[in-house]
Structure formats: structure tokens, C-alpha cells
Amino acid sequence: MDRMLYMAMNGAKQNMLAQTVNTNNLANVTTTGFRADLEQFRSMPMFGPGHASRVYAMAEKPGADFTPGPINTTGRDLDIAVQGKGWIAVQANDGTEAYTRAGNLQISPNGLLTNHQGLPVIGDGGPITVPPAAKIHFSQDGSLAIVPIGDEAGSPQIIARVKLVSPDNAHLMKGTDGLMRLRDGGEAVADADIKLVAGSLEGSNVNVANALAKMIDLSRQFEMQVKMMKTSERNADQTMQLLRLA
């Protein structure tokens, strides 16, 4: 009885953990450049007195879904989207280099080019600073050009180039802040072959229909585990009654 109760309780707990991952994906269905978290169950033997003849499920997050999201045109000068494979390098809060697909950029009051989280965008020489400009333009190769204020008739001047990288997906891990980092803690080298789409943003890659179906499936599994716990409790009560009669 105890093993049955333990396995049902653990199954319910793992279903709740998997539901948390799935719910977070659904909550970010409109988040720019979001990469859905994957979840899976793994069978683990349950050790104890005697042979490990029973197994229980363990929920885990093996990684993220790197499938590109849809690219939507916005027409905004500071919006960029990575075309195909690649990432935009930013400086995380802990000072390390991290990578994102969210290209909804902005300029801070002190002229620093940041992403929507306020993290500095990294260029060839570090964080990019943008002087006051009448117009800003991103090229396909990540070059940032401006037309200075007072020189509206002049041609754009390239002031920096966004660092674009394309490490192997197997070498990337997703942090709790939603940013990607190299598993070894290093920094990826810039890749000149990556192309940007100016005036556009990449949407989330969460498949709403699949996520909703997964939510229903996990809910039913949770209900089944709860029924198993109730059955275990009922069997234990009946056993105690039989022992009293003996």
C-alpha cells in the first residue's frame, strides 16, 4: 500500500511540475522572441527493501525548443529580427554575455542601446552607445547607422555593429531570466553570415493548440494519480478492518 501511495503521490507531483512548464509557455505566447521550454517524463526505478521492481516518473526540462517563430513587420526603426539561425548578444545583469532573439530595442536616457529588459546590446567593442540622431537604421549585417541631429540632409553614418552569434544549439542553455548562454560559460564568436530583418520582430514559437492539448492531458493524468491515492487509502482502510476481525 505504501509503495502504491508513494508512486501515485510522486506521479501527481511530477504532473504538476510539467504543468508549470506548459503554463509558462502559454503565458509567453505573445512574448517577442520567446523560446518554449520542453518537458518530458523519465522512468526511474524505485529502490527500497527487496528488488527495485517498480518505477516512477520524473519530470525534467531537457532544454528549449529552438524552432524559429514568425517574423512580423512593425516598421519601427529600433525593431530587428534575426533571419533563420542566430542570436543577438546582450550583457546580462550579472555582467556575462547572453543571447536573445527579442529584437525590440530601445535607447536609454544616457544613450545606451538596450533590449526591452534594459540590458545593453553588445557590439564589436562592447555595449553600444547611440548619440542623438534624427534617424536610425539597421542593416542586414547588424550595422547601426544614424543621421545626426542637425544634419538631416547628410548620409547615414555607421557607428556600431550588433554582435550576432550562431553557436550550436546543443551548446546553449536557457537561464531563469529567459536568456541563452553557452553551457561552458564562455562567449560565442561573432558570425558575419547572420542576417537581420529591420523594422520587424520575431514572435513566440509556442504552438497554442499543442500547449492547450498538453494542458488537458496533464490535468487528466493528475486526476488519475489522485484517484490512485484515494484507492490506496481505501485499500488500507479495508485491510485494517480485516485485521481487526482476525
Protein backbone atom coordinates (compact mmCIF):
# COMPACT_ATOMS: atom_id res chain seq x y z
CA MET A 1 0.00 0.00 0.00
CA ASP A 2 2.77 2.40 0.94
CA ARG A 3 4.56 1.92 -2.38
CA MET A 4 1.35 2.42 -4.32
CA LEU A 5 0.62 5.61 -2.41
CA TYR A 6 4.16 6.89 -2.89
CA MET A 7 4.17 6.24 -6.62
CA ALA A 8 0.77 7.93 -7.08
CA MET A 9 1.84 10.89 -4.97
CA ASN A 10 5.08 11.26 -6.91
CA GLY A 11 3.22 10.97 -10.21
CA ALA A 12 0.87 13.78 -9.18
CA LYS A 13 3.82 15.95 -8.15
CA GLN A 14 5.66 15.39 -11.45
CA ASN A 15 2.48 16.20 -13.39
CA MET A 16 2.23 19.50 -11.53
CA LEU A 17 5.85 20.32 -12.40
CA ALA A 18 5.21 19.53 -16.07
CA GLN A 19 2.04 21.63 -15.96
CA THR A 20 4.08 24.54 -14.60
CA VAL A 21 6.39 24.41 -17.62
CA ASN A 22 3.48 24.16 -20.04
CA THR A 23 1.60 27.02 -18.36
CA ASN A 24 4.69 29.24 -18.54
CA ASN A 25 4.89 28.56 -22.28
CA LEU A 26 1.24 29.55 -22.71
CA ALA A 27 1.80 32.72 -20.68
CA ASN A 28 4.55 33.74 -23.11
CA VAL A 29 2.66 33.07 -26.33
CA THR A 30 2.87 36.80 -27.19
CA THR A 31 6.39 37.39 -25.82
CA THR A 32 8.79 38.62 -28.50
CA GLY A 33 11.43 36.04 -29.43
CA PHE A 34 10.34 33.59 -26.72
CA ARG A 35 11.63 30.02 -26.95
CA ALA A 36 9.29 27.42 -25.48
CA ASP A 37 10.63 25.18 -22.71
CA LEU A 38 10.47 21.45 -23.34
CA GLU A 39 9.33 18.94 -20.73
CA GLN A 40 9.46 15.19 -20.61
CA PHE A 41 8.98 12.29 -18.20
CA ARG A 42 11.66 9.72 -17.45
CA SER A 43 11.12 6.35 -15.76
CA MET A 44 13.24 5.85 -12.64
CA PRO A 45 13.50 2.63 -10.57
CA MET A 46 12.19 2.88 -7.01
CA PHE A 47 14.76 1.40 -4.64
CA GLY A 48 13.94 0.01 -1.23
CA PRO A 49 13.73 -3.33 0.60
CA GLY A 50 13.98 -6.15 -1.95
CA HIS A 51 14.28 -5.75 -5.68
CA ALA A 52 13.55 -2.46 -7.50
CA SER A 53 10.51 -3.96 -9.22
CA ARG A 54 8.62 -0.67 -9.51
CA VAL A 55 9.33 2.52 -11.39
CA TYR A 56 8.13 6.07 -11.01
CA ALA A 57 8.08 9.03 -13.38
CA MET A 58 10.36 12.03 -13.07
CA ALA A 59 9.59 15.27 -14.92
CA GLU A 60 12.54 17.19 -16.33
CA LYS A 61 13.32 20.06 -18.69
CA PRO A 62 15.76 18.75 -21.30
CA GLY A 63 16.09 22.15 -22.96
CA ALA A 64 14.26 24.63 -25.12
CA ASP A 65 12.53 24.49 -28.48
CA PHE A 66 14.78 26.31 -30.95
CA THR A 67 12.23 26.40 -33.75
CA PRO A 68 12.08 29.97 -35.17
CA GLY A 69 8.94 31.98 -34.51
CA PRO A 70 7.04 34.04 -37.11
CA ILE A 71 8.55 37.36 -38.20
CA ASN A 72 6.10 40.26 -38.11
CA THR A 73 6.69 43.64 -39.71
CA THR A 74 6.39 46.62 -37.33
CA GLY A 75 8.02 49.45 -39.27
CA ARG A 76 9.75 50.67 -36.09
CA ASP A 77 13.37 51.73 -36.61
CA LEU A 78 14.61 50.04 -33.42
CA ASP A 79 12.93 46.69 -34.09
CA ILE A 80 15.11 43.93 -35.53
CA ALA A 81 14.57 40.22 -36.12
CA VAL A 82 17.15 37.52 -36.75
CA GLN A 83 16.53 35.74 -40.02
CA GLY A 84 16.98 31.99 -39.63
CA LYS A 85 19.61 30.77 -37.20
CA GLY A 86 21.40 33.17 -34.86
CA TRP A 87 21.21 35.28 -31.71
CA ILE A 88 21.64 38.88 -30.56
CA ALA A 89 24.31 39.33 -27.89
CA VAL A 90 23.41 41.32 -24.77
CA GLN A 91 25.04 41.96 -21.42
CA ALA A 92 23.12 40.23 -18.62
CA ASN A 93 22.60 41.71 -15.16
CA ASP A 94 25.49 39.65 -13.80
CA GLY A 95 27.84 41.12 -16.40
CA THR A 96 28.09 37.98 -18.51
CA GLU A 97 27.34 37.77 -22.20
CA ALA A 98 23.97 36.24 -23.03
CA TYR A 99 21.88 35.78 -26.16
CA THR A 100 18.32 36.55 -27.16
CA ARG A 101 16.03 36.58 -30.19
CA ALA A 102 13.98 39.50 -28.88
CA GLY A 103 14.90 42.49 -31.02
CA ASN A 104 12.53 45.14 -29.62
CA LEU A 105 15.36 47.53 -28.77
CA GLN A 106 15.32 50.96 -27.17
CA ILE A 107 17.72 53.77 -26.31
CA SER A 108 18.17 54.63 -22.64
CA PRO A 109 18.29 58.26 -21.44
CA ASN A 110 22.10 58.09 -21.41
CA GLY A 111 22.22 56.86 -25.00
CA LEU A 112 22.80 53.15 -24.33
CA LEU A 113 21.23 50.74 -26.81
CA THR A 114 19.31 48.15 -24.76
CA ASN A 115 16.78 45.42 -25.22
CA HIS A 116 13.27 45.53 -23.75
CA GLN A 117 14.65 44.33 -20.40
CA GLY A 118 17.08 47.24 -20.21
CA LEU A 119 20.10 45.03 -20.91
CA PRO A 120 22.86 46.62 -23.04
CA VAL A 121 23.20 45.31 -26.58
CA ILE A 122 26.78 44.23 -27.31
CA GLY A 123 28.66 45.42 -30.39
CA ASP A 124 32.16 44.79 -31.72
CA GLY A 125 33.68 46.85 -28.92
CA GLY A 126 31.27 46.21 -26.07
CA PRO A 127 27.91 47.84 -25.21
CA ILE A 128 26.66 50.13 -27.95
CA THR A 129 26.12 53.83 -27.27
CA VAL A 130 23.98 55.83 -29.70
CA PRO A 131 24.49 59.61 -29.97
CA PRO A 132 21.46 61.88 -30.52
CA ALA A 133 20.18 61.13 -34.00
CA ALA A 134 17.45 62.27 -36.34
CA LYS A 135 17.21 58.81 -37.88
CA ILE A 136 18.41 55.32 -37.02
CA HIS A 137 18.81 52.42 -39.44
CA PHE A 138 19.90 48.79 -39.07
CA SER A 139 21.43 46.92 -42.00
CA GLN A 140 21.15 43.21 -42.70
CA ASP A 141 24.63 42.55 -41.33
CA GLY A 142 23.81 44.20 -37.99
CA SER A 143 25.42 47.56 -38.75
CA LEU A 144 23.81 50.51 -36.99
CA ALA A 145 23.81 53.79 -38.90
CA ILE A 146 22.46 57.15 -37.81
CA VAL A 147 21.79 60.56 -39.27
CA PRO A 148 22.98 63.08 -36.65
CA ILE A 149 20.59 65.78 -35.47
CA GLY A 150 21.13 68.93 -37.48
CA ASP A 151 22.46 67.01 -40.47
CA GLU A 152 19.20 65.62 -41.81
CA ALA A 153 20.36 66.16 -45.39
CA GLY A 154 23.53 64.13 -44.82
CA SER A 155 24.07 60.44 -45.46
CA PRO A 156 23.82 57.88 -42.63
CA GLN A 157 26.98 57.19 -40.65
CA ILE A 158 27.75 53.69 -39.34
CA ILE A 159 28.56 53.92 -35.62
CA ALA A 160 28.49 50.29 -34.49
CA ARG A 161 27.62 46.74 -35.41
CA VAL A 162 25.47 44.46 -33.28
CA LYS A 163 27.23 41.25 -32.28
CA LEU A 164 25.38 38.35 -33.86
CA VAL A 165 26.33 34.78 -32.99
CA SER A 166 25.28 31.30 -34.10
CA PRO A 167 26.60 28.68 -31.65
CA ASP A 168 25.36 25.11 -31.93
CA ASN A 169 22.03 24.69 -30.17
CA ALA A 170 23.46 21.76 -28.20
CA HIS A 171 25.91 24.17 -26.54
CA LEU A 172 23.18 26.56 -25.37
CA MET A 173 21.21 26.52 -22.14
CA LYS A 174 18.30 28.72 -21.12
CA GLY A 175 18.56 30.64 -17.86
CA THR A 176 15.81 31.63 -15.45
CA ASP A 177 15.93 35.14 -16.96
CA GLY A 178 14.91 33.74 -20.35
CA LEU A 179 18.33 34.40 -21.90
CA MET A 180 20.53 31.82 -23.59
CA ARG A 181 24.12 31.18 -22.52
CA LEU A 182 26.87 28.79 -23.52
CA ARG A 183 26.94 25.74 -21.27
CA ASP A 184 30.66 26.16 -20.63
CA GLY A 185 30.18 29.77 -19.52
CA GLY A 186 32.19 31.18 -22.42
CA GLU A 187 31.35 33.70 -25.14
CA ALA A 188 30.38 32.83 -28.69
CA VAL A 189 32.28 34.32 -31.60
CA ALA A 190 30.56 36.74 -33.95
CA ASP A 191 29.15 35.26 -37.15
CA ALA A 192 29.15 37.53 -40.20
CA ASP A 193 26.73 35.28 -42.07
CA ILE A 194 23.75 36.06 -39.83
CA LYS A 195 21.19 38.41 -41.35
CA LEU A 196 18.78 40.80 -39.69
CA VAL A 197 15.36 41.97 -40.81
CA ALA A 198 14.98 45.64 -39.90
CA GLY A 199 11.63 47.02 -38.81
CA SER A 200 10.41 43.57 -37.77
CA LEU A 201 10.09 41.38 -34.67
CA GLU A 202 10.10 37.63 -34.20
CA GLY A 203 7.13 36.27 -32.32
CA SER A 204 6.99 33.45 -29.79
CA ASN A 205 7.43 29.90 -31.11
CA VAL A 206 4.82 28.48 -28.71
CA ASN A 207 2.19 26.39 -30.50
CA VAL A 208 -1.02 27.37 -28.71
CA ALA A 209 -3.05 24.38 -29.88
CA ASN A 210 -0.40 21.88 -28.79
CA ALA A 211 0.08 23.65 -25.45
CA LEU A 212 -3.66 23.60 -24.70
CA ALA A 213 -3.89 19.92 -25.63
CA LYS A 214 -0.91 19.22 -23.36
CA MET A 215 -2.59 21.10 -20.52
CA ILE A 216 -5.72 18.92 -20.80
CA ASP A 217 -3.62 15.75 -21.00
CA LEU A 218 -1.58 16.66 -17.91
CA SER A 219 -4.75 17.56 -15.99
CA ARG A 220 -6.26 14.15 -16.72
CA GLN A 221 -3.05 12.42 -15.66
CA PHE A 222 -3.08 14.38 -12.41
CA GLU A 223 -6.69 13.35 -11.73
CA MET A 224 -5.76 9.72 -12.35
CA GLN A 225 -2.92 9.93 -9.81
CA VAL A 226 -5.26 11.46 -7.22
CA LYS A 227 -7.73 8.58 -7.78
CA MET A 228 -4.88 6.14 -7.23
CA MET A 229 -4.06 7.81 -3.91
CA LYS A 230 -7.70 7.54 -2.85
CA THR A 231 -7.76 3.88 -3.89
CA SER A 232 -4.63 3.24 -1.84
CA GLU A 233 -6.24 4.88 1.17
CA ARG A 234 -9.43 2.84 0.72
CA ASN A 235 -7.44 -0.40 0.42
CA ALA A 236 -5.52 0.45 3.58
CA ASP A 237 -8.77 1.06 5.50
CA GLN A 238 -10.22 -2.24 4.30
CA THR A 239 -7.07 -4.09 5.30
CA MET A 240 -7.22 -2.61 8.79
CA GLN A 241 -10.83 -3.76 9.12
CA LEU A 242 -9.86 -7.31 8.15
CA LEU A 243 -7.03 -7.30 10.69
CA ARG A 244 -9.41 -6.24 13.45
CA LEU A 245 -11.64 -9.23 12.66
CA ALA A 246 -8.73 -11.68 12.71
